[in-house]
N, C-alpha and C. Protein backbone atom coordinates (compact mmCIF):
# COMPACT_ATOMS: atom_id res chain seq x y z
N MET A 1 0.84 -1.17 0.00
CA MET A 1 0.00 0.00 0.00
C MET A 1 0.89 1.24 0.00
N PRO A 2 0.64 2.19 -0.91
CA PRO A 2 1.49 3.39 -0.95
C PRO A 2 1.30 4.27 0.28
N ARG A 3 2.37 4.88 0.69
CA ARG A 3 2.33 5.80 1.83
C ARG A 3 2.35 7.22 1.30
N PHE A 4 1.44 8.00 1.76
CA PHE A 4 1.37 9.40 1.37
C PHE A 4 1.97 10.25 2.47
N PRO A 5 2.65 11.32 2.10
CA PRO A 5 3.21 12.19 3.15
C PRO A 5 2.10 12.80 3.99
N GLN A 6 2.34 12.83 5.28
CA GLN A 6 1.38 13.42 6.20
C GLN A 6 1.43 14.93 6.09
N PRO A 7 0.28 15.59 6.13
CA PRO A 7 0.30 17.05 6.09
C PRO A 7 0.97 17.60 7.35
N ARG A 8 1.71 18.66 7.16
CA ARG A 8 2.38 19.30 8.28
C ARG A 8 1.36 19.97 9.19
N SER A 9 1.52 19.77 10.48
CA SER A 9 0.63 20.46 11.40
C SER A 9 1.06 21.92 11.47
N VAL A 10 0.09 22.80 11.57
CA VAL A 10 0.36 24.23 11.60
C VAL A 10 0.57 24.64 13.05
N ARG A 11 1.64 25.33 13.29
CA ARG A 11 1.97 25.79 14.63
C ARG A 11 1.06 26.95 15.01
N ALA A 12 0.56 26.92 16.23
CA ALA A 12 -0.31 27.99 16.71
C ALA A 12 0.47 29.30 16.78
N PRO A 13 -0.15 30.42 16.41
CA PRO A 13 0.55 31.70 16.48
C PRO A 13 0.96 32.02 17.92
N ARG A 14 2.19 32.48 18.07
CA ARG A 14 2.72 32.86 19.38
C ARG A 14 2.75 34.37 19.49
N LEU A 15 2.38 34.87 20.65
CA LEU A 15 2.40 36.30 20.91
C LEU A 15 3.47 36.58 21.95
N ARG A 16 4.46 37.38 21.56
CA ARG A 16 5.48 37.81 22.52
C ARG A 16 4.97 39.08 23.17
N LEU A 17 4.89 39.05 24.50
CA LEU A 17 4.32 40.18 25.23
C LEU A 17 5.40 41.19 25.58
N HIS A 18 5.11 42.45 25.31
CA HIS A 18 6.07 43.52 25.60
C HIS A 18 5.79 44.16 26.95
N GLU A 19 4.56 44.03 27.43
CA GLU A 19 4.26 44.54 28.76
C GLU A 19 4.20 43.38 29.73
N THR A 20 4.28 43.68 31.01
CA THR A 20 4.26 42.64 32.03
C THR A 20 2.83 42.14 32.23
N VAL A 21 2.66 40.85 32.12
CA VAL A 21 1.38 40.22 32.40
C VAL A 21 1.59 39.29 33.58
N SER A 22 0.93 39.60 34.68
CA SER A 22 1.07 38.79 35.89
C SER A 22 0.20 37.54 35.78
N VAL A 23 0.75 36.45 36.31
CA VAL A 23 0.07 35.16 36.30
C VAL A 23 0.10 34.60 37.71
N ILE A 24 -0.97 33.96 38.10
CA ILE A 24 -1.00 33.21 39.35
C ILE A 24 -1.09 31.74 38.98
N LEU A 25 -0.13 30.96 39.47
CA LEU A 25 -0.13 29.51 39.27
C LEU A 25 -0.64 28.87 40.54
N GLN A 26 -1.64 28.02 40.42
CA GLN A 26 -2.10 27.28 41.58
C GLN A 26 -1.68 25.82 41.41
N LEU A 27 -0.90 25.34 42.37
CA LEU A 27 -0.41 23.96 42.34
C LEU A 27 -1.49 23.01 42.83
N GLU A 28 -1.27 21.73 42.62
CA GLU A 28 -2.25 20.72 43.05
C GLU A 28 -2.46 20.71 44.56
N ASN A 29 -1.44 21.14 45.33
CA ASN A 29 -1.57 21.18 46.78
C ASN A 29 -2.25 22.47 47.28
N GLY A 30 -2.69 23.34 46.36
CA GLY A 30 -3.38 24.57 46.72
C GLY A 30 -2.48 25.78 46.85
N ARG A 31 -1.18 25.59 46.82
CA ARG A 31 -0.22 26.70 46.94
C ARG A 31 -0.26 27.57 45.68
N ASN A 32 -0.18 28.88 45.86
CA ASN A 32 -0.16 29.82 44.74
C ASN A 32 1.24 30.37 44.54
N LEU A 33 1.66 30.50 43.29
CA LEU A 33 2.95 31.09 42.94
C LEU A 33 2.72 32.22 41.93
N PRO A 34 3.36 33.38 42.16
CA PRO A 34 3.27 34.44 41.15
C PRO A 34 4.28 34.19 40.03
N ALA A 35 3.96 34.66 38.84
CA ALA A 35 4.84 34.53 37.69
C ALA A 35 4.54 35.67 36.72
N ARG A 36 5.40 35.79 35.71
CA ARG A 36 5.19 36.74 34.62
C ARG A 36 5.08 35.96 33.32
N LEU A 37 4.17 36.39 32.48
CA LEU A 37 3.96 35.74 31.20
C LEU A 37 4.77 36.45 30.13
N HIS A 38 5.61 35.71 29.38
CA HIS A 38 6.43 36.29 28.32
C HIS A 38 5.87 36.02 26.94
N ARG A 39 5.40 34.79 26.70
CA ARG A 39 4.83 34.40 25.41
C ARG A 39 3.59 33.57 25.67
N ILE A 40 2.64 33.65 24.74
CA ILE A 40 1.41 32.89 24.90
C ILE A 40 0.89 32.46 23.53
N SER A 41 0.29 31.30 23.48
CA SER A 41 -0.46 30.82 22.33
C SER A 41 -1.63 30.02 22.90
N ILE A 42 -2.47 29.49 22.03
CA ILE A 42 -3.58 28.71 22.56
C ILE A 42 -3.14 27.31 22.97
N THR A 43 -1.88 26.96 22.73
CA THR A 43 -1.37 25.64 23.11
C THR A 43 -0.39 25.69 24.28
N GLY A 44 0.08 26.88 24.67
CA GLY A 44 1.03 26.97 25.76
C GLY A 44 1.68 28.33 25.83
N GLY A 45 2.81 28.41 26.52
CA GLY A 45 3.47 29.70 26.65
C GLY A 45 4.78 29.59 27.41
N LEU A 46 5.31 30.75 27.79
CA LEU A 46 6.57 30.83 28.51
C LEU A 46 6.39 31.75 29.71
N LEU A 47 6.74 31.24 30.89
CA LEU A 47 6.61 31.98 32.14
C LEU A 47 7.98 32.32 32.71
N GLU A 48 8.02 33.40 33.48
CA GLU A 48 9.21 33.75 34.26
C GLU A 48 8.83 33.55 35.72
N LEU A 49 9.63 32.72 36.42
CA LEU A 49 9.35 32.36 37.82
C LEU A 49 10.57 32.60 38.69
N SER A 50 10.34 32.83 39.98
CA SER A 50 11.46 32.98 40.90
C SER A 50 12.06 31.62 41.26
N THR A 51 11.27 30.58 41.22
CA THR A 51 11.74 29.23 41.46
C THR A 51 11.10 28.32 40.41
N TYR A 52 11.85 27.37 39.92
CA TYR A 52 11.29 26.53 38.86
C TYR A 52 10.40 25.46 39.46
N LEU A 53 9.53 24.94 38.63
CA LEU A 53 8.67 23.83 39.01
C LEU A 53 9.16 22.59 38.27
N GLU A 54 9.00 21.44 38.89
CA GLU A 54 9.41 20.19 38.26
C GLU A 54 8.65 20.00 36.95
N GLU A 55 9.33 19.40 36.00
CA GLU A 55 8.70 19.06 34.74
C GLU A 55 7.50 18.15 34.99
N ARG A 56 6.43 18.36 34.25
CA ARG A 56 5.15 17.64 34.34
C ARG A 56 4.31 18.03 35.54
N THR A 57 4.69 19.06 36.29
CA THR A 57 3.85 19.55 37.38
C THR A 57 2.59 20.14 36.78
N ARG A 58 1.45 19.74 37.31
CA ARG A 58 0.16 20.25 36.81
C ARG A 58 -0.20 21.51 37.59
N VAL A 59 -0.66 22.52 36.86
CA VAL A 59 -1.00 23.81 37.47
C VAL A 59 -2.30 24.34 36.87
N ASP A 60 -2.94 25.22 37.63
CA ASP A 60 -4.04 26.04 37.12
C ASP A 60 -3.48 27.44 36.96
N LEU A 61 -3.64 28.05 35.80
CA LEU A 61 -3.13 29.38 35.54
C LEU A 61 -4.28 30.38 35.54
N THR A 62 -4.01 31.58 35.99
CA THR A 62 -4.98 32.67 35.92
C THR A 62 -4.23 33.91 35.49
N PHE A 63 -4.69 34.51 34.37
CA PHE A 63 -4.08 35.75 33.90
C PHE A 63 -5.06 36.51 33.03
N GLN A 64 -4.75 37.78 32.81
CA GLN A 64 -5.57 38.63 31.96
C GLN A 64 -4.74 39.06 30.76
N LEU A 65 -5.29 38.88 29.59
CA LEU A 65 -4.63 39.32 28.36
C LEU A 65 -5.63 40.22 27.64
N GLY A 66 -5.31 41.52 27.58
CA GLY A 66 -6.27 42.47 27.01
C GLY A 66 -7.48 42.52 27.91
N PHE A 67 -8.65 42.25 27.33
CA PHE A 67 -9.88 42.24 28.11
C PHE A 67 -10.30 40.84 28.52
N ALA A 68 -9.51 39.84 28.15
CA ALA A 68 -9.88 38.46 28.40
C ALA A 68 -9.17 37.91 29.64
N PHE A 69 -9.96 37.41 30.59
CA PHE A 69 -9.42 36.65 31.72
C PHE A 69 -9.49 35.19 31.33
N VAL A 70 -8.40 34.47 31.51
CA VAL A 70 -8.40 33.05 31.18
C VAL A 70 -7.88 32.24 32.36
N HIS A 71 -8.38 31.00 32.46
CA HIS A 71 -8.05 30.11 33.57
C HIS A 71 -7.78 28.71 33.04
N PRO A 72 -6.74 28.54 32.20
CA PRO A 72 -6.47 27.19 31.68
C PRO A 72 -5.77 26.31 32.71
N LYS A 73 -5.83 25.02 32.47
CA LYS A 73 -5.03 24.06 33.22
C LYS A 73 -3.81 23.78 32.36
N GLY A 74 -2.67 23.59 33.01
CA GLY A 74 -1.46 23.38 32.25
C GLY A 74 -0.52 22.38 32.88
N GLU A 75 0.53 22.11 32.12
CA GLU A 75 1.58 21.21 32.58
C GLU A 75 2.91 21.88 32.30
N MET A 76 3.75 21.96 33.32
CA MET A 76 5.03 22.63 33.18
C MET A 76 6.01 21.75 32.40
N LEU A 77 6.83 22.41 31.59
CA LEU A 77 7.86 21.73 30.81
C LEU A 77 9.22 22.03 31.42
N PHE A 78 10.29 21.59 30.79
CA PHE A 78 11.64 21.70 31.35
C PHE A 78 12.07 23.17 31.53
N PRO A 79 12.51 23.56 32.73
CA PRO A 79 12.89 24.96 33.00
C PRO A 79 14.30 25.30 32.51
N ALA A 80 14.54 26.60 32.38
CA ALA A 80 15.87 27.11 32.01
C ALA A 80 16.19 28.31 32.89
N ARG A 81 17.44 28.47 33.24
CA ARG A 81 17.88 29.62 34.04
C ARG A 81 17.82 30.86 33.18
N GLY A 82 17.34 31.97 33.72
CA GLY A 82 17.30 33.23 32.98
C GLY A 82 16.14 34.09 33.42
N GLY A 83 16.12 35.32 32.91
CA GLY A 83 15.06 36.25 33.27
C GLY A 83 15.39 37.00 34.54
N ASP A 84 14.62 38.04 34.81
CA ASP A 84 14.84 38.87 36.00
C ASP A 84 14.54 38.11 37.29
N LEU A 85 13.52 37.27 37.27
CA LEU A 85 13.11 36.57 38.49
C LEU A 85 13.95 35.32 38.78
N GLY A 86 14.57 34.73 37.76
CA GLY A 86 15.41 33.57 38.00
C GLY A 86 15.28 32.47 36.98
N TYR A 87 14.05 32.09 36.58
CA TYR A 87 13.87 30.97 35.67
C TYR A 87 12.84 31.30 34.60
N LEU A 88 13.09 30.81 33.40
CA LEU A 88 12.12 30.84 32.32
C LEU A 88 11.65 29.41 32.14
N GLN A 89 10.33 29.22 32.16
CA GLN A 89 9.82 27.86 32.07
C GLN A 89 8.60 27.81 31.15
N PRO A 90 8.69 26.98 30.11
CA PRO A 90 7.55 26.82 29.22
C PRO A 90 6.48 25.94 29.86
N PHE A 91 5.26 26.08 29.38
CA PHE A 91 4.16 25.25 29.83
C PHE A 91 3.29 24.88 28.64
N ARG A 92 2.58 23.81 28.81
CA ARG A 92 1.64 23.34 27.80
C ARG A 92 0.24 23.43 28.39
N ILE A 93 -0.71 23.94 27.62
CA ILE A 93 -2.09 24.01 28.08
C ILE A 93 -2.72 22.64 27.85
N THR A 94 -3.29 22.07 28.91
CA THR A 94 -3.88 20.74 28.82
C THR A 94 -5.40 20.76 28.82
N ALA A 95 -6.02 21.81 29.37
CA ALA A 95 -7.48 21.90 29.39
C ALA A 95 -7.88 23.37 29.41
N PHE A 96 -8.98 23.64 28.72
CA PHE A 96 -9.43 25.01 28.52
C PHE A 96 -10.93 24.99 28.36
N ALA A 97 -11.64 25.92 28.96
CA ALA A 97 -13.05 26.10 28.63
C ALA A 97 -13.11 26.65 27.21
N GLU A 98 -14.01 26.13 26.39
CA GLU A 98 -14.07 26.51 24.98
C GLU A 98 -14.25 28.01 24.80
N GLU A 99 -15.07 28.62 25.64
CA GLU A 99 -15.30 30.07 25.55
C GLU A 99 -14.02 30.85 25.83
N GLU A 100 -13.27 30.44 26.85
CA GLU A 100 -12.00 31.11 27.17
C GLU A 100 -10.97 30.89 26.07
N ARG A 101 -10.93 29.71 25.51
CA ARG A 101 -10.01 29.42 24.41
C ARG A 101 -10.30 30.33 23.23
N HIS A 102 -11.57 30.49 22.93
CA HIS A 102 -11.97 31.36 21.81
C HIS A 102 -11.60 32.82 22.10
N ARG A 103 -11.85 33.29 23.33
CA ARG A 103 -11.48 34.68 23.70
C ARG A 103 -9.98 34.89 23.60
N LEU A 104 -9.20 33.92 24.07
CA LEU A 104 -7.74 34.03 24.00
C LEU A 104 -7.26 34.03 22.55
N GLN A 105 -7.85 33.18 21.73
CA GLN A 105 -7.48 33.12 20.32
C GLN A 105 -7.75 34.46 19.64
N ILE A 106 -8.88 35.08 19.92
CA ILE A 106 -9.22 36.38 19.34
C ILE A 106 -8.26 37.46 19.84
N GLU A 107 -7.95 37.46 21.12
CA GLU A 107 -7.05 38.46 21.70
C GLU A 107 -5.65 38.33 21.11
N ILE A 108 -5.15 37.12 20.94
CA ILE A 108 -3.83 36.91 20.34
C ILE A 108 -3.83 37.42 18.90
N ALA A 109 -4.87 37.08 18.14
CA ALA A 109 -4.95 37.53 16.75
C ALA A 109 -5.01 39.05 16.66
N ASP A 110 -5.79 39.69 17.53
CA ASP A 110 -5.89 41.16 17.53
C ASP A 110 -4.55 41.81 17.84
N GLN A 111 -3.85 41.31 18.86
CA GLN A 111 -2.57 41.91 19.23
C GLN A 111 -1.50 41.65 18.17
N LEU A 112 -1.55 40.49 17.50
CA LEU A 112 -0.61 40.23 16.41
C LEU A 112 -0.86 41.17 15.24
N LYS A 113 -2.13 41.43 14.93
CA LYS A 113 -2.47 42.36 13.85
C LYS A 113 -1.96 43.76 14.17
N GLN A 114 -2.13 44.20 15.42
CA GLN A 114 -1.67 45.53 15.82
C GLN A 114 -0.16 45.63 15.72
N SER A 115 0.55 44.58 16.10
CA SER A 115 2.01 44.64 16.07
C SER A 115 2.55 44.56 14.65
N MET A 116 1.76 44.03 13.72
CA MET A 116 2.21 43.91 12.35
C MET A 116 1.67 45.02 11.44
N ALA A 117 0.91 45.95 12.01
CA ALA A 117 0.37 47.05 11.22
C ALA A 117 1.52 47.87 10.65
N PRO A 118 1.45 48.23 9.38
CA PRO A 118 2.55 48.99 8.78
C PRO A 118 2.67 50.38 9.41
N ALA A 119 3.89 50.75 9.67
CA ALA A 119 4.16 52.08 10.23
C ALA A 119 4.03 53.12 9.12
N LYS A 120 3.54 54.27 9.48
CA LYS A 120 3.42 55.35 8.50
C LYS A 120 4.83 55.89 8.23
N VAL A 121 5.21 55.87 6.97
CA VAL A 121 6.53 56.32 6.57
C VAL A 121 6.37 57.63 5.84
N GLY A 122 7.13 58.57 6.27
CA GLY A 122 7.08 59.87 5.61
C GLY A 122 7.88 60.88 6.39
N PRO A 123 7.95 62.10 5.89
CA PRO A 123 8.70 63.13 6.60
C PRO A 123 8.12 63.37 7.99
N GLY A 124 8.98 63.40 8.97
CA GLY A 124 8.57 63.70 10.34
C GLY A 124 7.97 62.53 11.09
N SER A 125 7.84 61.36 10.44
CA SER A 125 7.24 60.22 11.14
C SER A 125 8.25 59.49 12.02
N GLY A 126 9.54 59.71 11.78
CA GLY A 126 10.56 59.04 12.57
C GLY A 126 10.87 57.64 12.07
N ALA A 127 10.10 57.13 11.10
CA ALA A 127 10.35 55.80 10.56
C ALA A 127 11.17 55.91 9.29
N ARG A 128 12.06 54.98 9.12
CA ARG A 128 12.87 54.94 7.90
C ARG A 128 12.14 54.14 6.85
N PRO A 129 12.17 54.58 5.60
CA PRO A 129 11.52 53.80 4.55
C PRO A 129 12.27 52.50 4.30
N ARG A 130 11.51 51.43 4.00
CA ARG A 130 12.14 50.15 3.71
C ARG A 130 12.76 50.16 2.32
N PHE A 131 12.13 50.86 1.40
CA PHE A 131 12.62 50.92 0.03
C PHE A 131 12.79 52.37 -0.37
N PHE A 132 13.68 52.59 -1.32
CA PHE A 132 13.98 53.95 -1.76
C PHE A 132 12.72 54.66 -2.26
N MET A 133 11.89 53.96 -3.00
CA MET A 133 10.70 54.59 -3.59
C MET A 133 9.67 55.00 -2.54
N GLU A 134 9.70 54.39 -1.36
CA GLU A 134 8.75 54.77 -0.31
C GLU A 134 9.07 56.14 0.27
N SER A 135 10.25 56.69 0.00
CA SER A 135 10.63 57.98 0.56
C SER A 135 10.02 59.13 -0.22
N PHE A 136 9.42 58.87 -1.38
CA PHE A 136 8.82 59.93 -2.19
C PHE A 136 7.34 60.05 -1.96
């Protein structure tokens, strides 16, 4: 039987946050840990923590992105040293209310569109033209 190449899965858009987004992680034992969110997608993200969590630790996350409050369940991935607080640690989202997932997806798309909006190029705008002809 012939084998056909499998279609490539499309990676979820990632949003790199330029402002500080505070996150509260609730561990299975009820303990809360503060963190900062650096990147987010509908499948996971990157947190900055003062202390790392063991890989595969299950957490409940709570954060606000734009006007959307989200409360996904997640699983921590392998940590790395770095950041102002001490550790950068990725996480994977394991469960999401469909309404919150949809709100987060819309918020990520909106913020990506805003960050990719073309800058006005012209005299006094402070932006340099990408091409010579754009300067006229």
